[in-house]
Amino acid sequence: MKQWVYVLICSFITFGCSPSQPSDQAPSMFDELDLINTKMNEILLRDLDNYSADERKHIICEEYTQIYKHEYMPIVLKNSKPEDRQYNEKKLLAELNETYTNYRNDYQIRCD
C-alpha cells in the first residue's frame, strides 16, 4: 500500500506539475487585425496639435501608411474571398485616401 501511495505521489509530482506545452497554433486573422488596428489607432489618436507640420506629415503619410499598406492590407486581401467585393485592393486604397483627405482638411497634410 505504501508503495502505491509513493508511486501516485511521484506520478502526480512528475506529470501533474509539469508546465503546459506551448501552443503551436498561429494567431488568428482576427487577432492579427486587432493588433494592427491597435497600432493604427495609436497613430491616429495622437494629439497632432502638439506636433510640427513635418512631424504630422511623417506620422500620417509614413508611419500610418506603412502599417496600412504593409500589414493591414495583405492580411485583409489574403483572407477575403475573391467573390467578396467588400475588400479588394482598390477599395482598401480608397479608404486610405479617405484618411488622407480627412487629415488634409484638418491639418493641411498632403501625402504625395
N, C-alpha and C. Protein backbone atom coordinates (compact mmCIF):
# COMPACT_ATOMS: atom_id res chain seq x y z
N MET A 1 0.82 -1.19 0.00
CA MET A 1 0.00 0.00 0.00
C MET A 1 0.87 1.26 0.00
N LYS A 2 1.92 1.25 0.81
CA LYS A 2 2.81 2.41 0.87
C LYS A 2 3.48 2.64 -0.48
N GLN A 3 3.78 1.55 -1.18
CA GLN A 3 4.42 1.70 -2.48
C GLN A 3 3.48 2.38 -3.48
N TRP A 4 2.19 2.02 -3.45
CA TRP A 4 1.23 2.63 -4.35
C TRP A 4 1.06 4.12 -4.05
N VAL A 5 1.03 4.46 -2.81
CA VAL A 5 0.91 5.88 -2.44
C VAL A 5 2.15 6.63 -2.92
N TYR A 6 3.31 6.03 -2.73
CA TYR A 6 4.55 6.65 -3.17
C TYR A 6 4.56 6.82 -4.69
N VAL A 7 4.13 5.79 -5.43
CA VAL A 7 4.07 5.85 -6.89
C VAL A 7 3.08 6.93 -7.34
N LEU A 8 1.92 7.00 -6.71
CA LEU A 8 0.92 8.01 -7.06
C LEU A 8 1.43 9.42 -6.79
N ILE A 9 2.09 9.61 -5.66
CA ILE A 9 2.64 10.93 -5.34
C ILE A 9 3.72 11.32 -6.34
N CYS A 10 4.61 10.39 -6.66
CA CYS A 10 5.67 10.68 -7.64
C CYS A 10 5.08 10.97 -9.01
N SER A 11 4.06 10.21 -9.39
CA SER A 11 3.41 10.44 -10.69
C SER A 11 2.76 11.82 -10.73
N PHE A 12 2.10 12.18 -9.65
CA PHE A 12 1.45 13.48 -9.60
C PHE A 12 2.48 14.60 -9.69
N ILE A 13 3.56 14.46 -8.95
CA ILE A 13 4.61 15.48 -8.96
C ILE A 13 5.24 15.57 -10.35
N THR A 14 5.49 14.44 -10.97
CA THR A 14 6.15 14.42 -12.27
C THR A 14 5.25 14.93 -13.38
N PHE A 15 4.03 14.43 -13.43
CA PHE A 15 3.15 14.76 -14.56
C PHE A 15 2.13 15.83 -14.24
N GLY A 16 1.69 15.89 -13.01
CA GLY A 16 0.67 16.87 -12.63
C GLY A 16 1.20 18.28 -12.53
N CYS A 17 2.45 18.44 -12.26
CA CYS A 17 3.01 19.78 -12.09
C CYS A 17 3.91 20.20 -13.24
N SER A 18 3.93 19.43 -14.30
CA SER A 18 4.78 19.81 -15.43
C SER A 18 4.16 21.00 -16.15
N PRO A 19 5.00 21.86 -16.69
CA PRO A 19 4.46 23.03 -17.39
C PRO A 19 3.69 22.61 -18.63
N SER A 20 2.68 23.38 -18.94
CA SER A 20 1.88 23.04 -20.12
C SER A 20 2.69 23.30 -21.38
N GLN A 21 2.35 22.55 -22.39
CA GLN A 21 3.05 22.67 -23.66
C GLN A 21 2.62 23.96 -24.35
N PRO A 22 3.56 24.68 -24.93
CA PRO A 22 3.18 25.91 -25.64
C PRO A 22 2.34 25.56 -26.86
N SER A 23 1.41 26.41 -27.15
CA SER A 23 0.53 26.19 -28.29
C SER A 23 1.25 26.57 -29.57
N ASP A 24 1.19 25.67 -30.55
CA ASP A 24 1.80 25.94 -31.84
C ASP A 24 0.83 26.65 -32.78
N GLN A 25 -0.37 26.88 -32.28
CA GLN A 25 -1.39 27.49 -33.12
C GLN A 25 -1.04 28.95 -33.40
N ALA A 26 -1.06 29.30 -34.65
CA ALA A 26 -0.77 30.68 -35.06
C ALA A 26 -1.94 31.57 -34.66
N PRO A 27 -1.65 32.84 -34.42
CA PRO A 27 -2.75 33.74 -34.09
C PRO A 27 -3.73 33.82 -35.25
N SER A 28 -4.99 33.96 -34.91
CA SER A 28 -6.00 34.01 -35.96
C SER A 28 -5.91 35.34 -36.71
N MET A 29 -6.56 35.38 -37.84
CA MET A 29 -6.59 36.60 -38.64
C MET A 29 -7.14 37.75 -37.81
N PHE A 30 -8.15 37.45 -36.99
CA PHE A 30 -8.78 38.50 -36.20
C PHE A 30 -7.84 39.02 -35.11
N ASP A 31 -7.04 38.13 -34.53
CA ASP A 31 -6.05 38.57 -33.55
C ASP A 31 -5.01 39.47 -34.21
N GLU A 32 -4.56 39.07 -35.38
CA GLU A 32 -3.57 39.88 -36.11
C GLU A 32 -4.15 41.24 -36.48
N LEU A 33 -5.38 41.24 -36.99
CA LEU A 33 -6.01 42.50 -37.37
C LEU A 33 -6.25 43.39 -36.16
N ASP A 34 -6.57 42.78 -35.02
CA ASP A 34 -6.77 43.55 -33.80
C ASP A 34 -5.48 44.26 -33.40
N LEU A 35 -4.36 43.55 -33.47
CA LEU A 35 -3.07 44.17 -33.14
C LEU A 35 -2.73 45.30 -34.11
N ILE A 36 -2.97 45.07 -35.38
CA ILE A 36 -2.67 46.09 -36.38
C ILE A 36 -3.58 47.30 -36.20
N ASN A 37 -4.87 47.05 -35.96
CA ASN A 37 -5.80 48.16 -35.73
C ASN A 37 -5.41 48.97 -34.50
N THR A 38 -4.92 48.28 -33.48
CA THR A 38 -4.45 48.98 -32.29
C THR A 38 -3.29 49.90 -32.64
N LYS A 39 -2.34 49.40 -33.43
CA LYS A 39 -1.21 50.23 -33.86
C LYS A 39 -1.68 51.44 -34.66
N MET A 40 -2.60 51.21 -35.59
CA MET A 40 -3.09 52.31 -36.42
C MET A 40 -3.84 53.33 -35.58
N ASN A 41 -4.64 52.86 -34.63
CA ASN A 41 -5.38 53.78 -33.76
C ASN A 41 -4.44 54.59 -32.89
N GLU A 42 -3.38 53.96 -32.40
CA GLU A 42 -2.41 54.71 -31.60
C GLU A 42 -1.81 55.85 -32.40
N ILE A 43 -1.60 55.62 -33.68
CA ILE A 43 -1.06 56.68 -34.54
C ILE A 43 -2.11 57.77 -34.77
N LEU A 44 -3.32 57.35 -35.13
CA LEU A 44 -4.35 58.33 -35.49
C LEU A 44 -4.90 59.09 -34.30
N LEU A 45 -4.83 58.50 -33.12
CA LEU A 45 -5.41 59.15 -31.94
C LEU A 45 -4.42 60.05 -31.21
N ARG A 46 -3.23 60.22 -31.75
CA ARG A 46 -2.29 61.16 -31.16
C ARG A 46 -2.87 62.57 -31.28
N ASP A 47 -2.52 63.40 -30.36
CA ASP A 47 -2.94 64.80 -30.43
C ASP A 47 -1.99 65.51 -31.39
N LEU A 48 -2.37 65.54 -32.64
CA LEU A 48 -1.48 66.09 -33.67
C LEU A 48 -1.23 67.58 -33.52
N ASP A 49 -2.04 68.25 -32.71
CA ASP A 49 -1.81 69.68 -32.47
C ASP A 49 -0.47 69.91 -31.78
N ASN A 50 0.04 68.89 -31.10
CA ASN A 50 1.30 69.02 -30.37
C ASN A 50 2.52 68.73 -31.24
N TYR A 51 2.31 68.51 -32.53
CA TYR A 51 3.41 68.18 -33.43
C TYR A 51 3.57 69.27 -34.49
N SER A 52 4.77 69.38 -35.00
CA SER A 52 5.02 70.33 -36.10
C SER A 52 4.39 69.78 -37.38
N ALA A 53 4.30 70.62 -38.39
CA ALA A 53 3.72 70.20 -39.67
C ALA A 53 4.50 69.04 -40.29
N ASP A 54 5.83 69.09 -40.20
CA ASP A 54 6.65 68.00 -40.75
C ASP A 54 6.43 66.70 -39.99
N GLU A 55 6.30 66.80 -38.67
CA GLU A 55 6.06 65.60 -37.86
C GLU A 55 4.68 65.02 -38.17
N ARG A 56 3.69 65.87 -38.33
CA ARG A 56 2.34 65.40 -38.67
C ARG A 56 2.36 64.64 -40.00
N LYS A 57 3.05 65.23 -40.97
CA LYS A 57 3.14 64.58 -42.28
C LYS A 57 3.83 63.23 -42.16
N HIS A 58 4.89 63.16 -41.38
CA HIS A 58 5.60 61.89 -41.18
C HIS A 58 4.68 60.86 -40.52
N ILE A 59 3.93 61.28 -39.51
CA ILE A 59 3.04 60.37 -38.78
C ILE A 59 1.98 59.79 -39.71
N ILE A 60 1.31 60.65 -40.45
CA ILE A 60 0.20 60.19 -41.30
C ILE A 60 0.69 59.57 -42.61
N CYS A 61 1.59 60.24 -43.27
CA CYS A 61 1.99 59.80 -44.61
C CYS A 61 2.99 58.65 -44.60
N GLU A 62 3.74 58.51 -43.53
CA GLU A 62 4.74 57.44 -43.50
C GLU A 62 4.40 56.35 -42.49
N GLU A 63 4.27 56.71 -41.22
CA GLU A 63 4.01 55.68 -40.20
C GLU A 63 2.70 54.95 -40.46
N TYR A 64 1.62 55.72 -40.56
CA TYR A 64 0.30 55.12 -40.75
C TYR A 64 0.24 54.36 -42.08
N THR A 65 0.74 54.97 -43.14
CA THR A 65 0.71 54.35 -44.46
C THR A 65 1.50 53.05 -44.48
N GLN A 66 2.63 53.03 -43.82
CA GLN A 66 3.46 51.82 -43.75
C GLN A 66 2.68 50.67 -43.13
N ILE A 67 2.05 50.92 -42.00
CA ILE A 67 1.29 49.87 -41.32
C ILE A 67 0.09 49.46 -42.18
N TYR A 68 -0.62 50.43 -42.72
CA TYR A 68 -1.82 50.14 -43.50
C TYR A 68 -1.48 49.30 -44.74
N LYS A 69 -0.49 49.75 -45.51
CA LYS A 69 -0.18 49.06 -46.77
C LYS A 69 0.57 47.75 -46.58
N HIS A 70 1.44 47.67 -45.59
CA HIS A 70 2.32 46.51 -45.48
C HIS A 70 1.91 45.51 -44.40
N GLU A 71 0.96 45.88 -43.55
CA GLU A 71 0.49 44.93 -42.54
C GLU A 71 -1.00 44.67 -42.67
N TYR A 72 -1.80 45.73 -42.68
CA TYR A 72 -3.26 45.59 -42.70
C TYR A 72 -3.77 45.04 -44.03
N MET A 73 -3.42 45.70 -45.13
CA MET A 73 -3.93 45.29 -46.44
C MET A 73 -3.59 43.85 -46.81
N PRO A 74 -2.35 43.39 -46.62
CA PRO A 74 -2.05 42.00 -47.00
C PRO A 74 -2.90 40.97 -46.25
N ILE A 75 -3.14 41.21 -44.97
CA ILE A 75 -3.95 40.25 -44.21
C ILE A 75 -5.39 40.26 -44.70
N VAL A 76 -5.94 41.44 -44.91
CA VAL A 76 -7.33 41.53 -45.38
C VAL A 76 -7.47 40.90 -46.76
N LEU A 77 -6.56 41.23 -47.66
CA LEU A 77 -6.64 40.67 -49.02
C LEU A 77 -6.42 39.17 -49.04
N LYS A 78 -5.51 38.69 -48.22
CA LYS A 78 -5.22 37.26 -48.17
C LYS A 78 -6.42 36.47 -47.65
N ASN A 79 -7.15 37.05 -46.71
CA ASN A 79 -8.23 36.31 -46.06
C ASN A 79 -9.61 36.62 -46.62
N SER A 80 -9.71 37.49 -47.60
CA SER A 80 -11.02 37.75 -48.18
C SER A 80 -11.20 36.87 -49.41
N LYS A 81 -12.41 36.46 -49.61
CA LYS A 81 -12.72 35.58 -50.73
C LYS A 81 -12.78 36.40 -52.01
N PRO A 82 -12.40 35.80 -53.14
CA PRO A 82 -12.42 36.54 -54.41
C PRO A 82 -13.80 37.10 -54.74
N GLU A 83 -14.83 36.39 -54.37
CA GLU A 83 -16.18 36.87 -54.69
C GLU A 83 -16.65 37.95 -53.71
N ASP A 84 -15.90 38.15 -52.63
CA ASP A 84 -16.25 39.19 -51.66
C ASP A 84 -15.78 40.53 -52.19
N ARG A 85 -16.71 41.31 -52.66
CA ARG A 85 -16.38 42.60 -53.29
C ARG A 85 -16.13 43.70 -52.27
N GLN A 86 -16.37 43.42 -50.99
CA GLN A 86 -16.18 44.45 -49.97
C GLN A 86 -14.71 44.79 -49.79
N TYR A 87 -13.84 43.79 -49.93
CA TYR A 87 -12.42 44.02 -49.71
C TYR A 87 -11.62 43.66 -50.95
N ASN A 88 -11.15 44.65 -51.64
CA ASN A 88 -10.20 44.45 -52.72
C ASN A 88 -9.20 45.60 -52.63
N GLU A 89 -8.13 45.48 -53.36
CA GLU A 89 -7.05 46.47 -53.24
C GLU A 89 -7.52 47.88 -53.55
N LYS A 90 -8.34 48.01 -54.56
CA LYS A 90 -8.83 49.33 -54.96
C LYS A 90 -9.64 49.98 -53.83
N LYS A 91 -10.52 49.22 -53.20
CA LYS A 91 -11.35 49.77 -52.13
C LYS A 91 -10.52 50.08 -50.89
N LEU A 92 -9.56 49.23 -50.59
CA LEU A 92 -8.71 49.50 -49.42
C LEU A 92 -7.87 50.75 -49.63
N LEU A 93 -7.36 50.93 -50.84
CA LEU A 93 -6.59 52.15 -51.13
C LEU A 93 -7.49 53.38 -51.11
N ALA A 94 -8.75 53.22 -51.50
CA ALA A 94 -9.70 54.34 -51.42
C ALA A 94 -9.95 54.73 -49.96
N GLU A 95 -10.01 53.73 -49.06
CA GLU A 95 -10.15 54.02 -47.63
C GLU A 95 -8.94 54.79 -47.12
N LEU A 96 -7.76 54.38 -47.55
CA LEU A 96 -6.54 55.08 -47.15
C LEU A 96 -6.56 56.51 -47.67
N ASN A 97 -7.00 56.70 -48.90
CA ASN A 97 -7.10 58.04 -49.47
C ASN A 97 -8.10 58.90 -48.70
N GLU A 98 -9.16 58.28 -48.22
CA GLU A 98 -10.16 59.00 -47.41
C GLU A 98 -9.53 59.49 -46.10
N THR A 99 -8.68 58.67 -45.52
CA THR A 99 -7.96 59.08 -44.31
C THR A 99 -7.08 60.29 -44.62
N TYR A 100 -6.37 60.22 -45.74
CA TYR A 100 -5.54 61.35 -46.15
C TYR A 100 -6.38 62.62 -46.31
N THR A 101 -7.55 62.48 -46.93
CA THR A 101 -8.42 63.63 -47.16
C THR A 101 -8.84 64.27 -45.84
N ASN A 102 -9.19 63.44 -44.87
CA ASN A 102 -9.58 63.97 -43.56
C ASN A 102 -8.45 64.77 -42.92
N TYR A 103 -7.24 64.23 -42.98
CA TYR A 103 -6.11 64.93 -42.36
C TYR A 103 -5.67 66.12 -43.21
N ARG A 104 -5.86 66.06 -44.50
CA ARG A 104 -5.53 67.20 -45.35
C ARG A 104 -6.45 68.37 -44.98
N ASN A 105 -7.72 68.07 -44.75
CA ASN A 105 -8.67 69.12 -44.38
C ASN A 105 -8.41 69.67 -42.98
N ASP A 106 -8.07 68.80 -42.05
CA ASP A 106 -7.88 69.23 -40.66
C ASP A 106 -6.52 69.86 -40.41
N TYR A 107 -5.47 69.33 -41.03
CA TYR A 107 -4.10 69.77 -40.70
C TYR A 107 -3.29 70.21 -41.91
N GLN A 108 -3.91 70.32 -43.06
CA GLN A 108 -3.22 70.71 -44.28
C GLN A 108 -2.04 69.77 -44.58
N ILE A 109 -2.27 68.48 -44.38
CA ILE A 109 -1.26 67.47 -44.67
C ILE A 109 -1.53 66.94 -46.07
N ARG A 110 -0.52 66.94 -46.90
CA ARG A 110 -0.64 66.39 -48.25
C ARG A 110 0.36 65.25 -48.39
N CYS A 111 -0.17 64.06 -48.57
CA CYS A 111 0.69 62.90 -48.78
C CYS A 111 0.87 62.73 -50.29
N ASP A 112 2.11 62.66 -50.72
CA ASP A 112 2.40 62.56 -52.15
C ASP A 112 2.36 61.13 -52.62
